[in-house]
């Protein structure tokens, strides 16, 4: 099992509408000793946060049905549901405007799915969470 560089044990909330990707990322983060909570879409994630889930990291997709990731982040910010969680966007939307919008809604990092393997995603999430990587 891989470890984070700091040895910290993170709790991550993965918000994704693609079950295959959600499961794949859950397995990959599990290999790095993360405690994983998964939500199939933003409404489920909001419910978990409102019920008291306190993740260290929230990793969210943007393009999702019902409520997109930007709407999700706006709700999280408005209701102050993230606590001290590091919010990271994982999306195929990689335009400067999308990245700027995500940052304005409280994201600390933005990872483009299409250009990152699952292992690279985990490593980038750790770097962002540990303050070693900027956008």
Protein backbone atom coordinates (compact mmCIF):
# COMPACT_ATOMS: atom_id res chain seq x y z
CA UNK A 1 0.00 0.00 0.00
CA UNK A 2 1.30 3.41 -0.98
CA UNK A 3 1.47 6.21 1.56
CA UNK A 4 1.03 9.93 1.31
CA UNK A 5 4.33 11.74 1.60
CA UNK A 6 3.39 13.23 4.97
CA UNK A 7 1.98 9.91 6.17
CA UNK A 8 -1.35 11.66 6.76
CA UNK A 9 -4.51 9.59 6.54
CA UNK A 10 -7.03 11.51 4.43
CA UNK A 11 -10.79 11.15 4.20
CA UNK A 12 -11.96 11.95 0.67
CA UNK A 13 -15.42 12.50 -0.75
CA UNK A 14 -15.53 11.56 -4.45
CA UNK A 15 -18.44 13.17 -6.32
CA UNK A 16 -18.87 11.57 -9.73
CA UNK A 17 -21.80 10.57 -11.96
CA UNK A 18 -19.94 7.82 -13.83
CA UNK A 19 -20.07 4.67 -11.69
CA UNK A 20 -17.08 3.07 -13.44
CA UNK A 21 -14.89 6.13 -12.82
CA UNK A 22 -16.15 6.55 -9.26
CA UNK A 23 -15.30 2.93 -8.45
CA UNK A 24 -11.93 3.14 -10.20
CA UNK A 25 -10.92 6.28 -8.29
CA UNK A 26 -12.18 4.76 -5.02
CA UNK A 27 -9.93 1.73 -5.57
CA UNK A 28 -6.96 3.92 -6.52
CA UNK A 29 -7.35 6.25 -3.50
CA UNK A 30 -7.80 3.16 -1.30
CA UNK A 31 -4.38 1.95 -2.44
CA UNK A 32 -2.99 5.15 -0.94
CA UNK A 33 -4.70 4.54 2.40
CA UNK A 34 -7.46 7.10 1.92
CA UNK A 35 -10.76 6.67 3.73
CA UNK A 36 -13.31 6.93 0.92
CA UNK A 37 -16.85 8.26 0.77
CA UNK A 38 -18.40 8.20 -2.69
CA UNK A 39 -21.43 10.07 -3.97
CA UNK A 40 -23.19 9.29 -7.21
CA UNK A 41 -23.85 12.89 -8.17
CA UNK A 42 -24.02 16.23 -6.39
CA UNK A 43 -27.41 15.90 -4.59
CA UNK A 44 -26.16 12.74 -2.81
CA UNK A 45 -22.92 14.50 -1.86
CA UNK A 46 -24.82 17.49 -0.46
CA UNK A 47 -26.97 15.15 1.63
CA UNK A 48 -23.90 13.44 3.08
CA UNK A 49 -22.28 16.77 3.93
CA UNK A 50 -25.50 18.09 5.49
CA UNK A 51 -25.73 14.90 7.57
CA UNK A 52 -22.30 15.62 9.04
CA UNK A 53 -19.73 14.00 6.76
CA UNK A 54 -16.47 15.91 7.25
CA UNK A 55 -13.99 14.95 4.54
CA UNK A 56 -10.47 16.34 4.37
CA UNK A 57 -10.76 16.48 0.58
CA UNK A 58 -13.73 16.86 -1.77
CA UNK A 59 -12.99 15.69 -5.33
CA UNK A 60 -15.80 16.65 -7.68
CA UNK A 61 -16.66 16.31 -11.32
CA UNK A 62 -18.30 19.26 -13.09
CA UNK A 63 -20.44 17.73 -15.85
CA UNK A 64 -23.17 15.84 -13.98
CA UNK A 65 -26.94 15.57 -14.43
CA UNK A 66 -29.44 17.18 -12.03
CA UNK A 67 -26.82 19.51 -10.47
CA UNK A 68 -23.45 20.23 -12.04
CA UNK A 69 -20.24 20.59 -10.08
CA UNK A 70 -20.32 24.38 -10.15
CA UNK A 71 -23.83 24.41 -8.66
CA UNK A 72 -22.65 21.85 -6.09
CA UNK A 73 -19.68 24.03 -5.11
CA UNK A 74 -21.90 27.11 -4.86
CA UNK A 75 -24.25 25.24 -2.47
CA UNK A 76 -21.33 23.92 -0.41
CA UNK A 77 -19.88 27.43 -0.15
CA UNK A 78 -23.23 29.10 0.63
CA UNK A 79 -24.16 26.56 3.32
CA UNK A 80 -20.57 26.33 4.63
CA UNK A 81 -20.58 22.52 4.32
CA UNK A 82 -16.93 21.99 3.45
CA UNK A 83 -15.37 23.00 6.77
CA UNK A 84 -11.62 22.89 6.23
CA UNK A 85 -11.86 20.46 3.31
CA UNK A 86 -9.60 20.98 0.33
CA UNK A 87 -11.84 21.11 -2.74
CA UNK A 88 -10.43 19.78 -5.99
CA UNK A 89 -12.20 19.64 -9.34
CA UNK A 90 -11.63 16.60 -11.56
CA UNK A 91 -13.20 17.28 -14.93
CA UNK A 92 -12.76 17.04 -18.66
CA UNK A 93 -13.64 20.73 -18.84
CA UNK A 94 -10.25 22.39 -18.94
CA UNK A 95 -10.88 25.86 -20.34
CA UNK A 96 -9.44 28.84 -18.45
CA UNK A 97 -12.98 30.12 -17.74
CA UNK A 98 -13.97 26.78 -16.18
CA UNK A 99 -10.85 26.73 -14.01
CA UNK A 100 -11.39 30.36 -12.92
CA UNK A 101 -15.04 29.65 -12.06
CA UNK A 102 -14.01 26.62 -9.98
CA UNK A 103 -11.41 28.62 -8.07
CA UNK A 104 -13.93 31.42 -7.44
CA UNK A 105 -16.25 28.82 -5.89
CA UNK A 106 -13.57 27.64 -3.46
CA UNK A 107 -11.60 24.98 -5.33
CA UNK A 108 -7.92 24.70 -4.39
CA UNK A 109 -7.04 22.65 -7.43
CA UNK A 110 -8.23 21.61 -10.86
CA UNK A 111 -7.27 18.37 -12.58
CA UNK A 112 -8.22 17.58 -16.17
CA UNK A 113 -9.30 13.92 -16.36
CA UNK A 114 -8.29 13.37 -19.98
CA UNK A 115 -4.65 14.27 -19.33
CA UNK A 116 -4.16 12.36 -16.05
CA UNK A 117 -3.98 8.66 -15.26
CA UNK A 118 -5.77 7.55 -12.05
CA UNK A 119 -2.41 7.26 -10.27
CA UNK A 120 -1.46 10.78 -11.40
CA UNK A 121 -4.83 12.05 -10.13
CA UNK A 122 -4.14 10.59 -6.68
CA UNK A 123 -0.64 12.06 -6.59
CA UNK A 124 -1.88 15.50 -7.71
CA UNK A 125 -4.65 15.41 -5.09
CA UNK A 126 -2.06 14.64 -2.39
CA UNK A 127 0.22 17.44 -3.62
CA UNK A 128 -2.65 19.95 -3.63
CA UNK A 129 -3.90 18.80 -0.20
CA UNK A 130 -0.42 19.09 1.25
CA UNK A 131 0.08 22.54 -0.24
CA UNK A 132 2.91 21.52 -2.53
CA UNK A 133 1.21 22.23 -5.82
CA UNK A 134 -0.54 25.25 -7.19
CA UNK A 135 -2.72 25.32 -10.25
